Amino acid sequence: MIYKLDSDPAVRDNLGRVDYLVVPDWYYRTGEAAQKDPTLVEARKHAVAVATFGGGTDRVQIYRVSDHWKPPT
């Protein structure tokens, strides 16, 4: 779940890397995404789309995050 990356200390403090992102496209377009989930947004900047499912407002893209990017500690 996306909120775990930034809001759950047990996840955030022990997160060594992010391999894939699976989040509906609409989430990235919300004004809250960058404030609420900065790790998710930053990881997407270092990722490439590898699959797409659905369409329109229900579209979900799968992103593979670069092995060279590491979450902030």
C-alpha atoms as a PDB file:
ATOM      1  CA  MET A   1       0.000   0.000   0.000  1.00  0.00           C
ATOM      2  CA  ILE A   2       1.329   3.381  -0.937  1.00  0.00           C
ATOM      3  CA  TYR A   3       0.740   5.045   2.378  1.00  0.00           C
ATOM      4  CA  LYS A   4       3.084   2.591   4.064  1.00  0.00           C
ATOM      5  CA  LEU A   5       6.145   4.025   2.297  1.00  0.00           C
ATOM      6  CA  ASP A   6       5.967   7.354   4.073  1.00  0.00           C
ATOM      7  CA  SER A   7       3.576   6.988   6.983  1.00  0.00           C
ATOM      8  CA  ASP A   8       4.376   3.670   8.633  1.00  0.00           C
ATOM      9  CA  PRO A   9       7.643   3.939  10.618  1.00  0.00           C
ATOM     10  CA  ALA A  10       8.095   0.151  10.605  1.00  0.00           C
ATOM     11  CA  VAL A  11       8.188   0.223   6.800  1.00  0.00           C
ATOM     12  CA  ARG A  12       9.823   3.623   6.244  1.00  0.00           C
ATOM     13  CA  ASP A  13      12.709   3.059   8.676  1.00  0.00           C
ATOM     14  CA  ASN A  14      13.541  -0.395   7.311  1.00  0.00           C
ATOM     15  CA  LEU A  15      13.025   0.226   3.607  1.00  0.00           C
ATOM     16  CA  GLY A  16      16.207  -0.616   1.760  1.00  0.00           C
ATOM     17  CA  ARG A  17      14.856  -0.376  -1.768  1.00  0.00           C
ATOM     18  CA  VAL A  18      11.741  -0.215  -3.896  1.00  0.00           C
ATOM     19  CA  ASP A  19      11.562  -2.607  -6.845  1.00  0.00           C
ATOM     20  CA  TYR A  20       8.155  -1.895  -8.386  1.00  0.00           C
ATOM     21  CA  LEU A  21       5.338   0.622  -8.100  1.00  0.00           C
ATOM     22  CA  VAL A  22       1.750  -0.469  -8.753  1.00  0.00           C
ATOM     23  CA  VAL A  23      -0.460   2.576  -8.322  1.00  0.00           C
ATOM     24  CA  PRO A  24      -3.446   3.867 -10.309  1.00  0.00           C
ATOM     25  CA  ASP A  25      -2.478   6.720 -12.652  1.00  0.00           C
ATOM     26  CA  TRP A  26      -5.025   9.073 -11.109  1.00  0.00           C
ATOM     27  CA  TYR A  27      -3.098   9.025  -7.828  1.00  0.00           C
ATOM     28  CA  TYR A  28      -0.064  10.745  -9.334  1.00  0.00           C
ATOM     29  CA  ARG A  29      -2.300  13.531 -10.642  1.00  0.00           C
ATOM     30  CA  THR A  30      -3.760  14.429  -7.262  1.00  0.00           C
ATOM     31  CA  GLY A  31      -2.380  17.544  -5.640  1.00  0.00           C
ATOM     32  CA  GLU A  32      -1.755  15.611  -2.447  1.00  0.00           C
ATOM     33  CA  ALA A  33       0.553  12.922  -3.840  1.00  0.00           C
ATOM     34  CA  ALA A  34       3.807  14.888  -3.594  1.00  0.00           C
ATOM     35  CA  GLN A  35       3.063  16.075  -0.056  1.00  0.00           C
ATOM     36  CA  LYS A  36       1.604  12.862   1.350  1.00  0.00           C
ATOM     37  CA  ASP A  37       3.872  10.351  -0.363  1.00  0.00           C
ATOM     38  CA  PRO A  38       7.186  11.951  -1.361  1.00  0.00           C
ATOM     39  CA  THR A  39       9.006   8.601  -1.475  1.00  0.00           C
ATOM     40  CA  LEU A  40       6.480   7.218  -3.953  1.00  0.00           C
ATOM     41  CA  VAL A  41       6.681  10.302  -6.158  1.00  0.00           C
ATOM     42  CA  GLU A  42      10.492  10.338  -6.059  1.00  0.00           C
ATOM     43  CA  ALA A  43      10.686   6.602  -6.828  1.00  0.00           C
ATOM     44  CA  ARG A  44       8.511   7.129  -9.903  1.00  0.00           C
ATOM     45  CA  LYS A  45      11.005   9.706 -11.184  1.00  0.00           C
ATOM     46  CA  HIS A  46      13.567   6.881 -11.235  1.00  0.00           C
ATOM     47  CA  ALA A  47      11.326   4.265 -12.811  1.00  0.00           C
ATOM     48  CA  VAL A  48      10.196   3.048 -16.214  1.00  0.00           C
ATOM     49  CA  ALA A  49       6.760   1.731 -17.124  1.00  0.00           C
ATOM     50  CA  VAL A  50       6.832  -2.012 -17.814  1.00  0.00           C
ATOM     51  CA  ALA A  51       3.105  -2.850 -18.082  1.00  0.00           C
ATOM     52  CA  THR A  52      -0.268  -1.140 -18.316  1.00  0.00           C
ATOM     53  CA  PHE A  53      -3.671  -2.462 -17.334  1.00  0.00           C
ATOM     54  CA  GLY A  54      -7.074  -0.941 -17.937  1.00  0.00           C
ATOM     55  CA  GLY A  55      -7.781   2.418 -19.455  1.00  0.00           C
ATOM     56  CA  GLY A  56      -9.131   5.855 -18.788  1.00  0.00           C
ATOM     57  CA  THR A  57      -9.445   6.800 -15.137  1.00  0.00           C
ATOM     58  CA  ASP A  58      -9.004   3.152 -14.097  1.00  0.00           C
ATOM     59  CA  ARG A  59      -5.644   2.673 -15.819  1.00  0.00           C
ATOM     60  CA  VAL A  60      -2.848   1.219 -13.707  1.00  0.00           C
ATOM     61  CA  GLN A  61       0.770   1.245 -14.772  1.00  0.00           C
ATOM     62  CA  ILE A  62       3.460  -0.964 -13.325  1.00  0.00           C
ATOM     63  CA  TYR A  63       6.808   0.801 -12.929  1.00  0.00           C
ATOM     64  CA  ARG A  64      10.179  -0.850 -12.345  1.00  0.00           C
ATOM     65  CA  VAL A  65      12.349   1.355 -10.150  1.00  0.00           C
ATOM     66  CA  SER A  66      16.030   1.697 -11.016  1.00  0.00           C
ATOM     67  CA  ASP A  67      18.418  -0.432  -8.968  1.00  0.00           C
ATOM     68  CA  HIS A  68      20.559   2.695  -8.571  1.00  0.00           C
ATOM     69  CA  TRP A  69      17.886   4.672  -6.691  1.00  0.00           C
ATOM     70  CA  LYS A  70      17.617   4.170  -2.947  1.00  0.00           C
ATOM     71  CA  PRO A  71      14.866   5.554  -0.677  1.00  0.00           C
ATOM     72  CA  PRO A  72      15.936   8.328   1.667  1.00  0.00           C
ATOM     73  CA  THR A  73      16.936   7.174   5.131  1.00  0.00           C
END
